[in-house]
Amino acid sequence: MKVGVIEHFDSMHLLPGHRKCGVPHGHTYRVEVTVEGPVVNGMVVDFDHLKSSLRELLKGYDHKDLNTLIPYPSCENISSDLLANLKGRLPAGRLTVRVWEGEGKWAEAEG
């Protein structure tokens, strides 16, 4: 069974050496987190715990310069970083983190 939540954060970054994205600019990032696992006592994971864990983590990314947090803050690296930081906050289960960089562009990390 899979369950998931969606949250948002706003940040700026630049991608060193990139011809278009090599200048500071911002995005509203949409973050989708999915937890896959067995249903135990009627739930895979408590939505309240999932949502509050994600919100607490995203406070560290919101209105920040992502270059100070991630050496090359591409959408791929942001999703991998969020996944790594969420693993210790949630109970066992397969996690998927999809990060949307504005509309129509996303990267997904699983683990």
C-alpha atoms as a PDB file:
ATOM      1  CA  MET A   1       0.000   0.000   0.000  1.00  0.00           C
ATOM      2  CA  LYS A   2       1.200   3.542  -0.704  1.00  0.00           C
ATOM      3  CA  VAL A   3       0.277   6.786   1.040  1.00  0.00           C
ATOM      4  CA  GLY A   4       1.597  10.262   0.440  1.00  0.00           C
ATOM      5  CA  VAL A   5       1.533  13.965   1.222  1.00  0.00           C
ATOM      6  CA  ILE A   6       2.420  17.169  -0.619  1.00  0.00           C
ATOM      7  CA  GLU A   7       4.100  20.298   0.743  1.00  0.00           C
ATOM      8  CA  HIS A   8       5.834  23.374  -0.738  1.00  0.00           C
ATOM      9  CA  PHE A   9       8.828  25.586  -0.058  1.00  0.00           C
ATOM     10  CA  ASP A  10      10.360  28.639  -1.729  1.00  0.00           C
ATOM     11  CA  SER A  11      14.100  28.973  -2.232  1.00  0.00           C
ATOM     12  CA  MET A  12      16.778  30.325  -4.522  1.00  0.00           C
ATOM     13  CA  HIS A  13      19.773  28.683  -6.106  1.00  0.00           C
ATOM     14  CA  LEU A  14      22.134  28.800  -9.024  1.00  0.00           C
ATOM     15  CA  LEU A  15      23.786  25.975 -10.909  1.00  0.00           C
ATOM     16  CA  PRO A  16      27.474  26.816 -11.306  1.00  0.00           C
ATOM     17  CA  GLY A  17      28.605  26.624 -14.922  1.00  0.00           C
ATOM     18  CA  HIS A  18      25.102  26.256 -16.360  1.00  0.00           C
ATOM     19  CA  ARG A  19      24.481  28.694 -19.224  1.00  0.00           C
ATOM     20  CA  LYS A  20      20.899  29.554 -18.200  1.00  0.00           C
ATOM     21  CA  CYS A  21      20.651  28.586 -14.536  1.00  0.00           C
ATOM     22  CA  GLY A  22      24.096  29.854 -13.541  1.00  0.00           C
ATOM     23  CA  VAL A  23      22.624  33.093 -12.177  1.00  0.00           C
ATOM     24  CA  PRO A  24      20.725  33.361  -8.869  1.00  0.00           C
ATOM     25  CA  HIS A  25      17.007  32.672  -9.316  1.00  0.00           C
ATOM     26  CA  GLY A  26      14.143  31.263  -7.271  1.00  0.00           C
ATOM     27  CA  HIS A  27      11.514  28.563  -7.434  1.00  0.00           C
ATOM     28  CA  THR A  28       8.468  27.404  -5.577  1.00  0.00           C
ATOM     29  CA  TYR A  29       9.256  23.747  -5.023  1.00  0.00           C
ATOM     30  CA  ARG A  30       6.472  21.197  -4.613  1.00  0.00           C
ATOM     31  CA  VAL A  31       7.531  18.146  -2.618  1.00  0.00           C
ATOM     32  CA  GLU A  32       5.591  14.885  -2.791  1.00  0.00           C
ATOM     33  CA  VAL A  33       6.512  12.144  -0.325  1.00  0.00           C
ATOM     34  CA  THR A  34       5.182   8.617  -0.677  1.00  0.00           C
ATOM     35  CA  VAL A  35       5.605   5.851   1.882  1.00  0.00           C
ATOM     36  CA  GLU A  36       5.062   2.258   0.794  1.00  0.00           C
ATOM     37  CA  GLY A  37       4.593  -0.561   3.257  1.00  0.00           C
ATOM     38  CA  PRO A  38       2.116  -2.898   4.885  1.00  0.00           C
ATOM     39  CA  VAL A  39      -1.020  -1.663   6.585  1.00  0.00           C
ATOM     40  CA  VAL A  40      -0.544  -2.137  10.325  1.00  0.00           C
ATOM     41  CA  ASN A  41      -3.369  -1.231  12.694  1.00  0.00           C
ATOM     42  CA  GLY A  42      -5.207   0.353   9.777  1.00  0.00           C
ATOM     43  CA  MET A  43      -2.314   2.573   8.522  1.00  0.00           C
ATOM     44  CA  VAL A  44       0.913   2.480   6.577  1.00  0.00           C
ATOM     45  CA  VAL A  45       2.031   5.611   8.426  1.00  0.00           C
ATOM     46  CA  ASP A  46       0.102   8.210  10.393  1.00  0.00           C
ATOM     47  CA  PHE A  47      -0.575  11.152   8.039  1.00  0.00           C
ATOM     48  CA  ASP A  48      -0.060  13.572  10.908  1.00  0.00           C
ATOM     49  CA  HIS A  49       3.415  12.191  11.601  1.00  0.00           C
ATOM     50  CA  LEU A  50       4.294  12.122   7.904  1.00  0.00           C
ATOM     51  CA  LYS A  51       3.122  15.683   7.285  1.00  0.00           C
ATOM     52  CA  SER A  52       4.696  17.139  10.429  1.00  0.00           C
ATOM     53  CA  SER A  53       8.030  15.385   9.729  1.00  0.00           C
ATOM     54  CA  LEU A  54       8.107  16.779   6.191  1.00  0.00           C
ATOM     55  CA  ARG A  55       7.099  20.273   7.294  1.00  0.00           C
ATOM     56  CA  GLU A  56       9.795  20.337   9.970  1.00  0.00           C
ATOM     57  CA  LEU A  57      12.433  19.226   7.464  1.00  0.00           C
ATOM     58  CA  LEU A  58      11.351  21.772   4.840  1.00  0.00           C
ATOM     59  CA  LYS A  59      11.754  24.645   7.326  1.00  0.00           C
ATOM     60  CA  GLY A  60      15.492  24.210   6.781  1.00  0.00           C
ATOM     61  CA  TYR A  61      15.096  24.729   3.015  1.00  0.00           C
ATOM     62  CA  ASP A  62      12.402  27.414   2.917  1.00  0.00           C
ATOM     63  CA  HIS A  63      13.582  30.900   1.889  1.00  0.00           C
ATOM     64  CA  LYS A  64      17.191  29.739   1.834  1.00  0.00           C
ATOM     65  CA  ASP A  65      20.005  29.863  -0.687  1.00  0.00           C
ATOM     66  CA  LEU A  66      20.155  26.171  -1.542  1.00  0.00           C
ATOM     67  CA  ASN A  67      23.790  26.527  -2.618  1.00  0.00           C
ATOM     68  CA  THR A  68      24.659  26.883   1.081  1.00  0.00           C
ATOM     69  CA  LEU A  69      23.003  23.492   1.785  1.00  0.00           C
ATOM     70  CA  ILE A  70      23.781  21.409  -1.323  1.00  0.00           C
ATOM     71  CA  PRO A  71      26.970  21.875  -3.388  1.00  0.00           C
ATOM     72  CA  TYR A  72      25.142  21.598  -6.751  1.00  0.00           C
ATOM     73  CA  PRO A  73      21.441  22.117  -5.963  1.00  0.00           C
ATOM     74  CA  SER A  74      19.865  20.593  -9.061  1.00  0.00           C
ATOM     75  CA  CYS A  75      16.363  19.196  -8.713  1.00  0.00           C
ATOM     76  CA  GLU A  76      17.916  15.706  -8.704  1.00  0.00           C
ATOM     77  CA  ASN A  77      20.275  16.545  -5.838  1.00  0.00           C
ATOM     78  CA  ILE A  78      17.540  18.328  -3.861  1.00  0.00           C
ATOM     79  CA  SER A  79      15.285  15.265  -4.048  1.00  0.00           C
ATOM     80  CA  SER A  80      18.167  12.977  -2.979  1.00  0.00           C
ATOM     81  CA  ASP A  81      19.045  15.300  -0.096  1.00  0.00           C
ATOM     82  CA  LEU A  82      15.443  15.428   1.125  1.00  0.00           C
ATOM     83  CA  LEU A  83      15.180  11.638   0.910  1.00  0.00           C
ATOM     84  CA  ALA A  84      18.339  11.157   2.960  1.00  0.00           C
ATOM     85  CA  ASN A  85      17.108  13.588   5.616  1.00  0.00           C
ATOM     86  CA  LEU A  86      13.606  12.092   5.783  1.00  0.00           C
ATOM     87  CA  LYS A  87      14.777   8.510   6.315  1.00  0.00           C
ATOM     88  CA  GLY A  88      15.693   9.093   9.947  1.00  0.00           C
ATOM     89  CA  ARG A  89      12.433  10.894  10.710  1.00  0.00           C
ATOM     90  CA  LEU A  90       9.971   8.254   9.524  1.00  0.00           C
ATOM     91  CA  PRO A  91       9.276   4.636  10.445  1.00  0.00           C
ATOM     92  CA  ALA A  92      10.419   1.846   8.164  1.00  0.00           C
ATOM     93  CA  GLY A  93       8.951   1.730   4.698  1.00  0.00           C
ATOM     94  CA  ARG A  94      10.015   2.473   1.147  1.00  0.00           C
ATOM     95  CA  LEU A  95      10.186   6.246   0.623  1.00  0.00           C
ATOM     96  CA  THR A  96       9.825   8.170  -2.606  1.00  0.00           C
ATOM     97  CA  VAL A  97      10.492  11.909  -2.770  1.00  0.00           C
ATOM     98  CA  ARG A  98       9.430  13.800  -5.893  1.00  0.00           C
ATOM     99  CA  VAL A  99      10.485  17.443  -6.149  1.00  0.00           C
ATOM    100  CA  TRP A 100       8.806  19.719  -8.674  1.00  0.00           C
ATOM    101  CA  GLU A 101      10.872  22.730  -9.721  1.00  0.00           C
ATOM    102  CA  GLY A 102       8.011  24.970 -10.810  1.00  0.00           C
ATOM    103  CA  GLU A 103       5.500  23.517 -13.254  1.00  0.00           C
ATOM    104  CA  GLY A 104       6.341  20.646 -15.566  1.00  0.00           C
ATOM    105  CA  LYS A 105       9.793  19.737 -14.208  1.00  0.00           C
ATOM    106  CA  TRP A 106      10.519  17.164 -11.494  1.00  0.00           C
ATOM    107  CA  ALA A 107      13.045  14.692 -10.151  1.00  0.00           C
ATOM    108  CA  GLU A 108      12.352  11.674  -7.988  1.00  0.00           C
ATOM    109  CA  ALA A 109      14.507   9.766  -5.509  1.00  0.00           C
ATOM    110  CA  GLU A 110      13.618   6.396  -3.985  1.00  0.00           C
ATOM    111  CA  GLY A 111      15.043   4.461  -1.124  1.00  0.00           C
END
